[in-house]
N, C-alpha and C. Protein backbone atom coordinates (compact mmCIF):
# COMPACT_ATOMS: atom_id res chain seq x y z
N MET A 1 0.82 -1.19 0.00
CA MET A 1 0.00 0.00 0.00
C MET A 1 0.86 1.26 0.00
N SER A 2 1.95 1.28 0.78
CA SER A 2 2.80 2.47 0.83
C SER A 2 3.55 2.68 -0.48
N TYR A 3 3.83 1.58 -1.22
CA TYR A 3 4.49 1.72 -2.51
C TYR A 3 3.59 2.48 -3.49
N LEU A 4 2.30 2.17 -3.49
CA LEU A 4 1.38 2.86 -4.39
C LEU A 4 1.28 4.34 -4.05
N LYS A 5 1.26 4.66 -2.77
CA LYS A 5 1.21 6.07 -2.36
C LYS A 5 2.49 6.78 -2.78
N PHE A 6 3.64 6.12 -2.61
CA PHE A 6 4.90 6.71 -3.01
C PHE A 6 4.93 6.94 -4.53
N ALA A 7 4.47 5.97 -5.29
CA ALA A 7 4.46 6.10 -6.75
C ALA A 7 3.52 7.22 -7.18
N LYS A 8 2.36 7.34 -6.54
CA LYS A 8 1.42 8.40 -6.87
C LYS A 8 2.00 9.77 -6.54
N ASP A 9 2.62 9.88 -5.37
CA ASP A 9 3.23 11.15 -4.97
C ASP A 9 4.37 11.53 -5.92
N LEU A 10 5.15 10.55 -6.31
CA LEU A 10 6.24 10.81 -7.24
C LEU A 10 5.71 11.26 -8.59
N GLY A 11 4.65 10.63 -9.05
CA GLY A 11 4.04 11.03 -10.32
C GLY A 11 3.47 12.44 -10.27
N ILE A 12 2.81 12.77 -9.17
CA ILE A 12 2.25 14.12 -9.02
C ILE A 12 3.37 15.15 -8.98
N THR A 13 4.46 14.82 -8.29
CA THR A 13 5.60 15.73 -8.23
C THR A 13 6.22 15.93 -9.61
N GLY A 14 6.35 14.85 -10.36
CA GLY A 14 6.92 14.95 -11.71
C GLY A 14 6.05 15.77 -12.64
N ILE A 15 4.76 15.57 -12.58
CA ILE A 15 3.85 16.34 -13.43
C ILE A 15 3.87 17.82 -13.05
N THR A 16 3.90 18.09 -11.75
CA THR A 16 3.96 19.47 -11.29
C THR A 16 5.24 20.16 -11.75
N ASN A 17 6.36 19.47 -11.63
CA ASN A 17 7.63 20.05 -12.08
C ASN A 17 7.61 20.30 -13.58
N ALA A 18 7.03 19.41 -14.36
CA ALA A 18 6.95 19.60 -15.81
C ALA A 18 6.08 20.81 -16.14
N LEU A 19 4.96 20.96 -15.45
CA LEU A 19 4.09 22.11 -15.71
C LEU A 19 4.75 23.43 -15.34
N VAL A 20 5.49 23.43 -14.25
CA VAL A 20 6.21 24.65 -13.84
C VAL A 20 7.28 25.00 -14.88
N ALA A 21 7.97 24.00 -15.39
CA ALA A 21 9.00 24.25 -16.40
C ALA A 21 8.37 24.77 -17.70
N LEU A 22 7.22 24.25 -18.07
CA LEU A 22 6.58 24.68 -19.30
C LEU A 22 5.92 26.05 -19.15
N SER A 23 5.62 26.46 -17.94
CA SER A 23 4.98 27.76 -17.75
C SER A 23 5.89 28.89 -18.19
N GLY A 24 7.20 28.71 -18.05
CA GLY A 24 8.15 29.72 -18.52
C GLY A 24 8.11 29.86 -20.03
N LEU A 25 7.87 28.78 -20.74
CA LEU A 25 7.78 28.85 -22.19
C LEU A 25 6.50 29.55 -22.64
N VAL A 26 5.50 29.55 -21.80
CA VAL A 26 4.25 30.23 -22.14
C VAL A 26 4.33 31.70 -21.78
N THR A 27 4.87 32.01 -20.61
CA THR A 27 4.87 33.40 -20.15
C THR A 27 5.92 34.26 -20.86
N LEU A 28 7.01 33.69 -21.30
CA LEU A 28 8.06 34.48 -21.95
C LEU A 28 7.57 35.17 -23.22
N PRO A 29 6.90 34.48 -24.14
CA PRO A 29 6.40 35.20 -25.32
C PRO A 29 5.35 36.25 -24.99
N ILE A 30 4.53 36.00 -23.97
CA ILE A 30 3.52 36.98 -23.58
C ILE A 30 4.20 38.23 -23.03
N LEU A 31 5.20 38.04 -22.15
CA LEU A 31 5.92 39.19 -21.61
C LEU A 31 6.65 39.96 -22.70
N THR A 32 7.24 39.24 -23.64
CA THR A 32 7.95 39.88 -24.73
C THR A 32 7.00 40.72 -25.57
N LYS A 33 5.81 40.19 -25.84
CA LYS A 33 4.84 40.93 -26.64
C LYS A 33 4.38 42.18 -25.90
N VAL A 34 4.16 42.08 -24.60
CA VAL A 34 3.72 43.24 -23.82
C VAL A 34 4.81 44.30 -23.79
N ILE A 35 6.04 43.89 -23.58
CA ILE A 35 7.14 44.86 -23.52
C ILE A 35 7.33 45.54 -24.88
N ARG A 36 7.21 44.76 -25.96
CA ARG A 36 7.33 45.37 -27.29
C ARG A 36 6.18 46.34 -27.56
N SER A 37 4.98 46.03 -27.06
CA SER A 37 3.86 46.92 -27.29
C SER A 37 4.02 48.23 -26.51
N LEU A 38 4.75 48.20 -25.40
CA LEU A 38 5.02 49.42 -24.65
C LEU A 38 6.06 50.29 -25.35
N ARG A 39 6.79 49.70 -26.28
CA ARG A 39 7.83 50.40 -27.05
C ARG A 39 8.84 51.10 -26.15
N LEU A 40 9.33 50.35 -25.16
CA LEU A 40 10.35 50.91 -24.29
C LEU A 40 11.69 51.02 -25.00
N TRP A 41 11.85 50.21 -26.04
CA TRP A 41 13.06 50.35 -26.83
C TRP A 41 12.77 50.01 -28.27
N ASP A 42 13.57 50.57 -29.13
CA ASP A 42 13.47 50.32 -30.56
C ASP A 42 14.89 50.32 -31.09
N LEU A 43 15.27 49.28 -31.78
CA LEU A 43 16.66 49.14 -32.22
C LEU A 43 17.05 50.18 -33.26
N ASP A 44 16.08 50.80 -33.92
CA ASP A 44 16.39 51.77 -34.96
C ASP A 44 16.48 53.20 -34.43
N SER A 45 16.10 53.42 -33.19
CA SER A 45 16.03 54.79 -32.68
C SER A 45 17.06 54.99 -31.56
N ASP A 46 17.74 56.13 -31.60
CA ASP A 46 18.70 56.45 -30.55
C ASP A 46 18.02 57.03 -29.32
N THR A 47 16.88 57.70 -29.51
CA THR A 47 16.21 58.34 -28.38
C THR A 47 15.44 57.35 -27.53
N SER A 48 15.16 56.17 -28.05
CA SER A 48 14.37 55.21 -27.29
C SER A 48 15.14 54.71 -26.07
N HIS A 49 16.46 54.66 -26.15
CA HIS A 49 17.25 54.21 -25.00
C HIS A 49 17.14 55.21 -23.86
N ALA A 50 17.20 56.48 -24.19
CA ALA A 50 17.06 57.51 -23.17
C ALA A 50 15.67 57.45 -22.55
N PHE A 51 14.67 57.21 -23.38
CA PHE A 51 13.29 57.11 -22.86
C PHE A 51 13.16 55.91 -21.94
N ALA A 52 13.76 54.79 -22.31
CA ALA A 52 13.65 53.57 -21.49
C ALA A 52 14.32 53.80 -20.14
N PHE A 53 15.48 54.42 -20.12
CA PHE A 53 16.15 54.65 -18.84
C PHE A 53 15.39 55.68 -18.01
N THR A 54 14.82 56.68 -18.64
CA THR A 54 14.04 57.66 -17.90
C THR A 54 12.78 57.04 -17.36
N TYR A 55 12.11 56.24 -18.16
CA TYR A 55 10.86 55.62 -17.77
C TYR A 55 11.07 54.60 -16.64
N LEU A 56 12.15 53.81 -16.75
CA LEU A 56 12.39 52.76 -15.76
C LEU A 56 13.07 53.31 -14.51
N GLY A 57 13.56 54.49 -14.57
CA GLY A 57 14.16 55.10 -13.38
C GLY A 57 15.59 54.91 -13.40
């Protein structure tokens, strides 16, 4: 009986760890899109860097 509980707990832990690892792959593109939409920086503009440093403090 304790072996089954151990196996179930191990499986739940493994699934949880996999979901936590995959959550970074989901949130990174969303954060990137939000940051780009704020236009804190633009690689073609020299003034955008000054704006980003002023805006971020």
